[in-house]
Protein backbone atom coordinates (compact mmCIF):
# COMPACT_ATOMS: atom_id res chain seq x y z
CA LEU A 1 -62.40 -30.41 85.70
CA ILE A 2 -63.42 -29.44 89.20
CA ALA A 3 -63.37 -25.76 90.08
CA VAL A 4 -62.77 -25.24 93.78
CA ASP A 5 -64.69 -22.13 94.81
CA GLY A 6 -62.89 -19.07 93.38
CA GLY A 7 -60.64 -21.38 91.36
CA TYR A 8 -63.22 -21.15 88.62
CA LYS A 9 -61.57 -17.82 87.76
CA ILE A 10 -58.38 -19.66 86.74
CA LEU A 11 -60.38 -21.93 84.46
CA ARG A 12 -62.14 -18.91 82.96
CA LEU A 13 -58.77 -17.30 82.20
CA LEU A 14 -57.76 -20.50 80.42
CA ASP A 15 -61.08 -20.49 78.52
CA LEU A 16 -62.09 -23.76 80.19
CA SER A 17 -65.43 -24.66 81.70
CA PRO A 18 -65.53 -26.88 84.80
CA HIS A 19 -67.71 -29.96 85.06
CA TRP A 20 -68.13 -29.33 88.79
CA LEU A 21 -67.99 -26.30 91.09
CA ILE A 22 -67.35 -27.29 94.71
CA GLY A 23 -66.93 -25.32 97.92
CA ASP A 24 -68.69 -22.88 100.20
CA LEU A 25 -68.73 -20.50 97.21
CA ASP A 26 -67.76 -17.45 99.23
CA SER A 27 -65.47 -16.36 96.37
CA VAL A 28 -68.00 -16.78 93.57
CA SER A 29 -70.59 -14.20 92.60
CA GLN A 30 -74.24 -15.22 92.34
CA SER A 31 -74.26 -14.25 88.67
CA ALA A 32 -71.28 -16.56 88.01
CA ILE A 33 -73.08 -19.40 89.81
CA ARG A 34 -76.23 -18.83 87.73
CA SER A 35 -74.18 -18.72 84.53
CA MET A 36 -72.34 -21.95 85.35
CA ARG A 37 -75.54 -23.70 86.38
CA SER A 38 -77.24 -22.71 83.11
CA SER A 39 -74.27 -24.02 81.12
CA GLY A 40 -74.52 -27.44 82.77
CA VAL A 41 -71.88 -27.15 85.50
CA ARG A 42 -72.83 -29.29 88.48
CA ILE A 43 -72.58 -27.34 91.72
CA GLN A 44 -71.98 -28.75 95.17
CA GLN A 45 -72.20 -26.03 97.80
CA PHE A 46 -71.13 -26.54 101.42
CA PRO A 47 -71.67 -24.34 104.46
CA ALA A 48 -68.91 -21.85 105.28
CA GLU A 49 -68.58 -23.39 108.74
CA LYS A 50 -67.25 -26.88 108.02
CA ASP A 51 -64.41 -29.15 109.10
CA GLU A 52 -62.69 -29.43 105.69
CA THR A 53 -61.28 -26.88 103.29
CA ASP A 54 -62.90 -26.54 99.90
CA LEU A 55 -59.85 -28.21 98.34
CA GLU A 56 -60.13 -31.27 100.58
CA LEU A 57 -63.82 -31.59 99.69
CA ALA A 58 -62.95 -31.37 95.97
CA VAL A 59 -60.26 -34.06 96.22
CA LEU A 60 -62.67 -36.30 98.11
CA HIS A 61 -65.23 -35.69 95.37
CA ALA A 62 -62.69 -36.60 92.65
CA LEU A 63 -61.82 -39.73 94.61
CA GLY A 64 -65.53 -40.63 94.70
CA LEU A 65 -65.68 -40.17 90.93
CA GLY A 66 -62.94 -42.80 90.57
CA CYS A 67 -60.07 -40.51 89.58
CA ALA A 68 -56.65 -42.17 89.93
CA SER A 69 -54.60 -39.11 89.01
CA ILE A 70 -55.34 -35.59 90.24
CA LEU A 71 -53.52 -32.39 89.31
CA LEU A 72 -54.13 -29.54 91.74
CA VAL A 73 -53.69 -26.17 90.06
CA GLY A 74 -53.56 -22.91 91.98
CA MET A 75 -53.28 -24.31 95.51
CA LEU A 76 -49.96 -22.60 96.19
CA GLY A 77 -51.06 -18.97 96.17
CA GLY A 78 -52.56 -16.90 98.89
CA ARG A 79 -52.60 -17.65 102.60
CA ILE A 80 -49.72 -19.54 104.23
CA ASP A 81 -52.12 -21.51 106.48
CA HIS A 82 -53.92 -22.86 103.41
CA ILE A 83 -50.63 -23.56 101.60
CA LEU A 84 -49.26 -25.60 104.52
CA GLY A 85 -52.58 -27.39 105.03
CA ASN A 86 -52.78 -28.20 101.32
CA ILE A 87 -49.23 -29.58 101.30
CA HIS A 88 -50.06 -31.82 104.25
CA LEU A 89 -53.24 -32.86 102.45
CA LEU A 90 -50.98 -34.64 99.93
CA GLU A 91 -50.08 -37.19 102.62
CA ASP A 92 -53.67 -38.01 103.60
CA PRO A 93 -53.84 -41.85 103.78
CA ARG A 94 -57.15 -41.77 101.88
CA PHE A 95 -55.20 -40.51 98.86
CA ALA A 96 -52.20 -42.87 99.14
CA HIS A 97 -53.13 -44.79 95.98
CA LEU A 98 -53.62 -41.61 93.90
CA GLU A 99 -51.12 -39.77 91.79
CA LEU A 100 -51.71 -36.42 93.48
CA ARG A 101 -49.62 -33.45 92.36
CA ALA A 102 -49.86 -29.71 92.82
CA ASP A 103 -48.58 -27.45 90.06
CA ASP A 104 -48.89 -23.69 89.58
CA GLY A 105 -46.92 -23.54 86.34
CA LEU A 106 -43.64 -22.73 88.09
CA THR A 107 -43.59 -25.09 91.06
CA GLU A 108 -44.69 -28.71 91.26
CA ILE A 109 -45.20 -30.36 94.65
CA CYS A 110 -45.84 -34.02 95.26
CA LEU A 111 -45.42 -36.66 97.91
CA VAL A 112 -42.73 -39.28 97.36
CA ASN A 113 -44.42 -42.68 97.79
CA GLU A 114 -41.51 -45.13 97.62
CA MET A 115 -40.35 -43.83 94.22
CA LEU A 116 -40.96 -40.65 92.27
CA THR A 117 -39.96 -39.88 88.69
CA LEU A 118 -39.43 -36.20 87.92
CA ASN A 119 -39.61 -34.88 84.38
CA GLY A 120 -37.98 -31.54 83.72
CA THR A 121 -34.88 -29.86 82.36
CA PRO A 122 -31.26 -29.97 83.49
CA GLY A 123 -30.78 -27.18 86.03
CA ASP A 124 -34.32 -27.36 87.43
CA LEU A 125 -34.31 -26.99 91.22
CA VAL A 126 -35.45 -29.93 93.32
CA SER A 127 -35.94 -29.76 97.09
CA LEU A 128 -36.79 -32.74 99.27
CA ILE A 129 -38.46 -31.78 102.53
CA PRO A 130 -39.43 -34.27 105.25
CA LEU A 131 -42.96 -34.07 106.59
CA SER A 132 -42.37 -36.83 109.13
CA GLU A 133 -39.72 -36.34 111.81
CA THR A 134 -37.27 -38.50 109.87
CA VAL A 135 -37.27 -39.95 106.37
CA GLN A 136 -35.00 -42.94 105.94
CA GLY A 137 -33.33 -44.48 102.93
CA VAL A 138 -33.53 -41.44 100.66
CA THR A 139 -31.72 -42.13 97.39
CA THR A 140 -31.64 -39.84 94.37
CA TYR A 141 -30.60 -40.42 90.78
CA LYS A 142 -29.56 -37.78 88.25
CA LEU A 143 -29.46 -34.96 90.79
CA LYS A 144 -26.31 -32.84 91.21
CA TYR A 145 -25.95 -33.64 94.93
CA PRO A 146 -26.77 -37.35 95.25
CA LEU A 147 -28.31 -38.87 98.33
CA LEU A 148 -27.44 -42.52 98.91
CA ALA A 149 -29.78 -44.26 101.37
CA GLU A 150 -29.58 -41.22 103.65
CA THR A 151 -31.79 -40.05 106.49
CA LEU A 152 -33.35 -36.61 106.23
CA ASN A 153 -34.58 -34.91 109.40
CA ARG A 154 -37.45 -32.43 109.44
CA TRP A 155 -35.40 -29.89 111.39
CA GLN A 156 -32.47 -29.88 108.92
CA THR A 157 -32.21 -28.40 105.45
CA ARG A 158 -30.10 -31.14 103.82
CA GLY A 159 -32.50 -31.83 100.94
CA ILE A 160 -33.04 -28.25 99.78
CA SER A 161 -31.82 -26.75 96.46
CA ASN A 162 -30.60 -29.72 94.48
CA GLU A 163 -30.48 -29.61 90.66
CA MET A 164 -31.60 -31.94 87.92
CA LEU A 165 -28.74 -33.20 85.71
CA ASP A 166 -30.98 -34.69 83.01
CA ASP A 167 -34.55 -34.50 81.70
CA THR A 168 -35.53 -37.22 84.18
CA ALA A 169 -34.54 -37.72 87.82
CA LEU A 170 -35.60 -40.27 90.45
CA VAL A 171 -36.16 -40.10 94.18
CA LYS A 172 -36.59 -43.22 96.31
CA VAL A 173 -37.67 -43.43 99.95
CA GLU A 174 -37.66 -46.45 102.24
CA GLN A 175 -39.58 -45.01 105.18
CA GLY A 176 -41.19 -41.72 106.14
CA SER A 177 -43.15 -38.92 104.55
CA LEU A 178 -41.24 -36.76 102.07
CA ILE A 179 -42.42 -34.04 99.71
CA CYS A 180 -40.62 -33.08 96.55
CA ILE A 181 -40.70 -29.49 95.35
CA HIS A 182 -39.68 -29.17 91.70
CA ILE A 183 -39.12 -25.66 90.36
């Protein structure tokens, strides 16, 4: 478990202790840092003036630890600039081989790399939103409004507000960058 700056508060609420605390630590009190350090949490502090967000640094750290699957919790709240940046972080080529998903308990966001399997409940909302200008060959299975090798354009809303028909649905993409938002 890697706590990203003030994200340690989420872990505390869940009665979990992180293995790492990473970030510029502007959202963590000195007493919390001392307490974590004394309980064996490894801390990697960065300057406030840096080129990456704390989340990007944490994902890079997890990548360096050899993680193949990363679940990002709590990245969807707060400032819209961070939310958009974090969503675009999912398509970073350095993370292409990872299973990288964001989930806040209500909404799951992930990049569709060729094929994505969604697990949920019939009636769950699924929106497919292009990050690249066009996404070609989008095909869906077990969604109410099927897409059959279609092209989705970033400036159109064609892929928004679909519904799962089963406990499992599939999304396939031939070319382009597409995110899936599962609610």
